[in-house]
C-alpha cells in the first residue's frame, strides 16, 4: 500500500498502542502533537481506506490496517538492523528508518530480511516480524 508520512505515523501510533489499550481521538491527537480536528480528518481518511475503525469510542486498526502496520514495522526494524550492522547508532538508525520505512516495497524488505539471516529482534530488542 502506498501511504503518506502522516498516514504512516497515525497507523504506527494506533498499532503501537493496541498492545496496551485502544486510543481515543484526543489521546491520538496528543501523542502526534496535532489538534483534535486534524486527527479526526486523518482518522476519517484512514477509515475510508479501510485501515481503521471506531469501536466504542476507540480507534483500532482493521485487519488491513494491522497488515499494513506489520509491514511498516518489519521494514523499519529490518532497515534499522541493517544500518546497525554497518555501524550506525541504533537510535539514529531508528529515526532515519522512520523517514523511509513506509516507502520501500515489501518484497525488497523481505529480501533484505533474508539477507540479514532473518533476525528475530531489532537493535532495540523488538521483534522484527510483528503479527
C-alpha atoms as a PDB file:
ATOM      1  CA  UNK A   1       0.000   0.000   0.000  1.00  0.00           C
ATOM      2  CA  UNK A   2       1.216   3.495  -0.750  1.00  0.00           C
ATOM      3  CA  UNK A   3       0.847   5.956   2.095  1.00  0.00           C
ATOM      4  CA  UNK A   4       1.981   9.391   3.101  1.00  0.00           C
ATOM      5  CA  UNK A   5       4.313  10.010   6.029  1.00  0.00           C
ATOM      6  CA  UNK A   6       1.368  11.322   8.062  1.00  0.00           C
ATOM      7  CA  UNK A   7      -0.730   8.249   7.331  1.00  0.00           C
ATOM      8  CA  UNK A   8       2.237   6.087   8.333  1.00  0.00           C
ATOM      9  CA  UNK A   9       2.627   7.968  11.604  1.00  0.00           C
ATOM     10  CA  UNK A  10      -1.050   7.534  12.505  1.00  0.00           C
ATOM     11  CA  UNK A  11      -1.035   3.811  11.682  1.00  0.00           C
ATOM     12  CA  UNK A  12       2.129   3.275  13.719  1.00  0.00           C
ATOM     13  CA  UNK A  13       0.779   5.202  16.713  1.00  0.00           C
ATOM     14  CA  UNK A  14      -2.516   3.309  16.674  1.00  0.00           C
ATOM     15  CA  UNK A  15      -0.734  -0.023  16.150  1.00  0.00           C
ATOM     16  CA  UNK A  16       1.777   0.538  18.943  1.00  0.00           C
ATOM     17  CA  UNK A  17      -0.922   1.468  21.421  1.00  0.00           C
ATOM     18  CA  UNK A  18      -3.010  -1.619  20.593  1.00  0.00           C
ATOM     19  CA  UNK A  19      -0.845  -3.774  22.869  1.00  0.00           C
ATOM     20  CA  UNK A  20      -1.711  -1.599  25.855  1.00  0.00           C
ATOM     21  CA  UNK A  21      -5.128  -0.155  25.049  1.00  0.00           C
ATOM     22  CA  UNK A  22      -7.035   1.323  22.096  1.00  0.00           C
ATOM     23  CA  UNK A  23      -6.697   5.073  21.631  1.00  0.00           C
ATOM     24  CA  UNK A  24      -9.349   7.741  21.880  1.00  0.00           C
ATOM     25  CA  UNK A  25      -9.169  10.555  19.347  1.00  0.00           C
ATOM     26  CA  UNK A  26      -7.951  13.014  21.986  1.00  0.00           C
ATOM     27  CA  UNK A  27      -5.116  10.673  23.001  1.00  0.00           C
ATOM     28  CA  UNK A  28      -4.142  10.099  19.382  1.00  0.00           C
ATOM     29  CA  UNK A  29      -4.064  13.844  18.691  1.00  0.00           C
ATOM     30  CA  UNK A  30      -1.970  14.489  21.793  1.00  0.00           C
ATOM     31  CA  UNK A  31       0.517  11.706  21.012  1.00  0.00           C
ATOM     32  CA  UNK A  32       1.028  13.028  17.475  1.00  0.00           C
ATOM     33  CA  UNK A  33       1.050  16.661  18.626  1.00  0.00           C
ATOM     34  CA  UNK A  34      -1.827  17.709  16.358  1.00  0.00           C
ATOM     35  CA  UNK A  35      -5.220  19.245  17.029  1.00  0.00           C
ATOM     36  CA  UNK A  36      -8.249  17.001  17.504  1.00  0.00           C
ATOM     37  CA  UNK A  37      -9.878  18.278  14.276  1.00  0.00           C
ATOM     38  CA  UNK A  38      -6.686  17.416  12.375  1.00  0.00           C
ATOM     39  CA  UNK A  39      -6.600  13.950  13.933  1.00  0.00           C
ATOM     40  CA  UNK A  40     -10.308  13.493  13.153  1.00  0.00           C
ATOM     41  CA  UNK A  41      -9.720  14.305   9.469  1.00  0.00           C
ATOM     42  CA  UNK A  42      -6.919  11.764   9.187  1.00  0.00           C
ATOM     43  CA  UNK A  43      -8.863   9.085  11.048  1.00  0.00           C
ATOM     44  CA  UNK A  44     -11.767   9.615   8.651  1.00  0.00           C
ATOM     45  CA  UNK A  45      -9.381   9.288   5.707  1.00  0.00           C
ATOM     46  CA  UNK A  46      -7.917   6.082   7.159  1.00  0.00           C
ATOM     47  CA  UNK A  47     -11.442   4.768   7.823  1.00  0.00           C
ATOM     48  CA  UNK A  48     -12.281   5.451   4.185  1.00  0.00           C
ATOM     49  CA  UNK A  49      -9.207   3.484   3.146  1.00  0.00           C
ATOM     50  CA  UNK A  50     -10.317   0.574   5.340  1.00  0.00           C
ATOM     51  CA  UNK A  51      -7.334   0.813   7.682  1.00  0.00           C
ATOM     52  CA  UNK A  52      -9.007   1.886  10.943  1.00  0.00           C
ATOM     53  CA  UNK A  53     -12.416   1.762  12.568  1.00  0.00           C
ATOM     54  CA  UNK A  54     -14.047   3.361  15.563  1.00  0.00           C
ATOM     55  CA  UNK A  55     -15.153   0.849  18.152  1.00  0.00           C
ATOM     56  CA  UNK A  56     -16.818   2.061  21.342  1.00  0.00           C
ATOM     57  CA  UNK A  57     -15.215   5.480  21.039  1.00  0.00           C
ATOM     58  CA  UNK A  58     -11.810   3.911  20.474  1.00  0.00           C
ATOM     59  CA  UNK A  59      -9.758   3.892  17.283  1.00  0.00           C
ATOM     60  CA  UNK A  60      -8.454   0.472  16.264  1.00  0.00           C
ATOM     61  CA  UNK A  61      -6.783  -0.995  13.212  1.00  0.00           C
ATOM     62  CA  UNK A  62      -8.821  -3.143  10.855  1.00  0.00           C
ATOM     63  CA  UNK A  63      -7.376  -6.401   9.518  1.00  0.00           C
ATOM     64  CA  UNK A  64      -5.954  -4.418   6.568  1.00  0.00           C
ATOM     65  CA  UNK A  65      -4.639  -1.765   8.937  1.00  0.00           C
ATOM     66  CA  UNK A  66      -2.935  -4.413  11.069  1.00  0.00           C
ATOM     67  CA  UNK A  67      -1.340  -5.923   7.951  1.00  0.00           C
ATOM     68  CA  UNK A  68      -0.051  -2.511   6.879  1.00  0.00           C
ATOM     69  CA  UNK A  69       1.231  -1.809  10.405  1.00  0.00           C
ATOM     70  CA  UNK A  70       3.052  -5.159  10.442  1.00  0.00           C
ATOM     71  CA  UNK A  71       4.680  -4.389   7.089  1.00  0.00           C
ATOM     72  CA  UNK A  72       5.818  -0.962   8.280  1.00  0.00           C
ATOM     73  CA  UNK A  73       7.276  -2.419  11.477  1.00  0.00           C
ATOM     74  CA  UNK A  74       9.071  -5.195   9.600  1.00  0.00           C
ATOM     75  CA  UNK A  75      10.507  -2.655   7.153  1.00  0.00           C
ATOM     76  CA  UNK A  76      11.513  -0.316   9.951  1.00  0.00           C
ATOM     77  CA  UNK A  77      13.197  -2.955  12.065  1.00  0.00           C
ATOM     78  CA  UNK A  78      14.865  -4.689   9.107  1.00  0.00           C
ATOM     79  CA  UNK A  79      16.339  -1.406   7.876  1.00  0.00           C
ATOM     80  CA  UNK A  80      17.322  -0.473  11.423  1.00  0.00           C
ATOM     81  CA  UNK A  81      19.128  -3.805  11.821  1.00  0.00           C
ATOM     82  CA  UNK A  82      20.914  -3.333   8.506  1.00  0.00           C
ATOM     83  CA  UNK A  83      22.081   0.156   9.475  1.00  0.00           C
ATOM     84  CA  UNK A  84      23.164  -1.037  12.922  1.00  0.00           C
ATOM     85  CA  UNK A  85      25.242  -3.826  11.403  1.00  0.00           C
ATOM     86  CA  UNK A  86      27.041  -1.203   9.339  1.00  0.00           C
ATOM     87  CA  UNK A  87      27.962   0.671  12.496  1.00  0.00           C
ATOM     88  CA  UNK A  88      25.184   3.254  12.708  1.00  0.00           C
ATOM     89  CA  UNK A  89      23.976   4.149  16.207  1.00  0.00           C
ATOM     90  CA  UNK A  90      20.653   2.323  16.842  1.00  0.00           C
ATOM     91  CA  UNK A  91      18.757   5.439  17.957  1.00  0.00           C
ATOM     92  CA  UNK A  92      19.950   7.399  14.913  1.00  0.00           C
ATOM     93  CA  UNK A  93      19.104   4.429  12.663  1.00  0.00           C
ATOM     94  CA  UNK A  94      15.617   4.309  14.186  1.00  0.00           C
ATOM     95  CA  UNK A  95      14.988   7.981  13.435  1.00  0.00           C
ATOM     96  CA  UNK A  96      16.274   7.621   9.884  1.00  0.00           C
ATOM     97  CA  UNK A  97      14.201   4.489   9.245  1.00  0.00           C
ATOM     98  CA  UNK A  98      11.044   6.334  10.316  1.00  0.00           C
ATOM     99  CA  UNK A  99      11.590   8.619   7.338  1.00  0.00           C
ATOM    100  CA  UNK A 100      11.625   5.808   4.753  1.00  0.00           C
ATOM    101  CA  UNK A 101      10.200   2.554   6.163  1.00  0.00           C
ATOM    102  CA  UNK A 102       6.781   3.073   4.575  1.00  0.00           C
ATOM    103  CA  UNK A 103       8.216   3.848   1.115  1.00  0.00           C
ATOM    104  CA  UNK A 104      10.049   0.605   0.383  1.00  0.00           C
ATOM    105  CA  UNK A 105       8.260  -2.265  -1.336  1.00  0.00           C
ATOM    106  CA  UNK A 106       7.598  -5.219   0.950  1.00  0.00           C
ATOM    107  CA  UNK A 107       9.338  -7.640  -1.449  1.00  0.00           C
ATOM    108  CA  UNK A 108      12.553  -5.614  -1.107  1.00  0.00           C
ATOM    109  CA  UNK A 109      12.237  -5.722   2.678  1.00  0.00           C
ATOM    110  CA  UNK A 110      11.714  -9.499   2.576  1.00  0.00           C
ATOM    111  CA  UNK A 111      14.948  -9.894   0.560  1.00  0.00           C
ATOM    112  CA  UNK A 112      16.868  -7.653   2.968  1.00  0.00           C
ATOM    113  CA  UNK A 113      15.418  -9.584   5.906  1.00  0.00           C
ATOM    114  CA  UNK A 114      16.588 -12.869   4.387  1.00  0.00           C
ATOM    115  CA  UNK A 115      19.991 -11.347   3.574  1.00  0.00           C
ATOM    116  CA  UNK A 116      20.354 -10.420   7.246  1.00  0.00           C
ATOM    117  CA  UNK A 117      19.695 -14.094   8.135  1.00  0.00           C
ATOM    118  CA  UNK A 118      16.138 -13.394   9.317  1.00  0.00           C
ATOM    119  CA  UNK A 119      16.878 -11.614  12.604  1.00  0.00           C
ATOM    120  CA  UNK A 120      14.367 -12.145  15.398  1.00  0.00           C
ATOM    121  CA  UNK A 121      14.966  -8.782  17.073  1.00  0.00           C
ATOM    122  CA  UNK A 122      15.991  -5.281  16.025  1.00  0.00           C
ATOM    123  CA  UNK A 123      18.838  -3.468  17.835  1.00  0.00           C
ATOM    124  CA  UNK A 124      16.285  -2.176  20.367  1.00  0.00           C
ATOM    125  CA  UNK A 125      15.181  -5.730  21.234  1.00  0.00           C
ATOM    126  CA  UNK A 126      11.803  -5.555  19.481  1.00  0.00           C
ATOM    127  CA  UNK A 127      10.562  -8.362  17.227  1.00  0.00           C
ATOM    128  CA  UNK A 128      11.324  -7.682  13.559  1.00  0.00           C
ATOM    129  CA  UNK A 129       8.193  -9.530  12.435  1.00  0.00           C
ATOM    130  CA  UNK A 130       5.023  -8.215  14.068  1.00  0.00           C
ATOM    131  CA  UNK A 131       1.958 -10.448  13.900  1.00  0.00           C
END
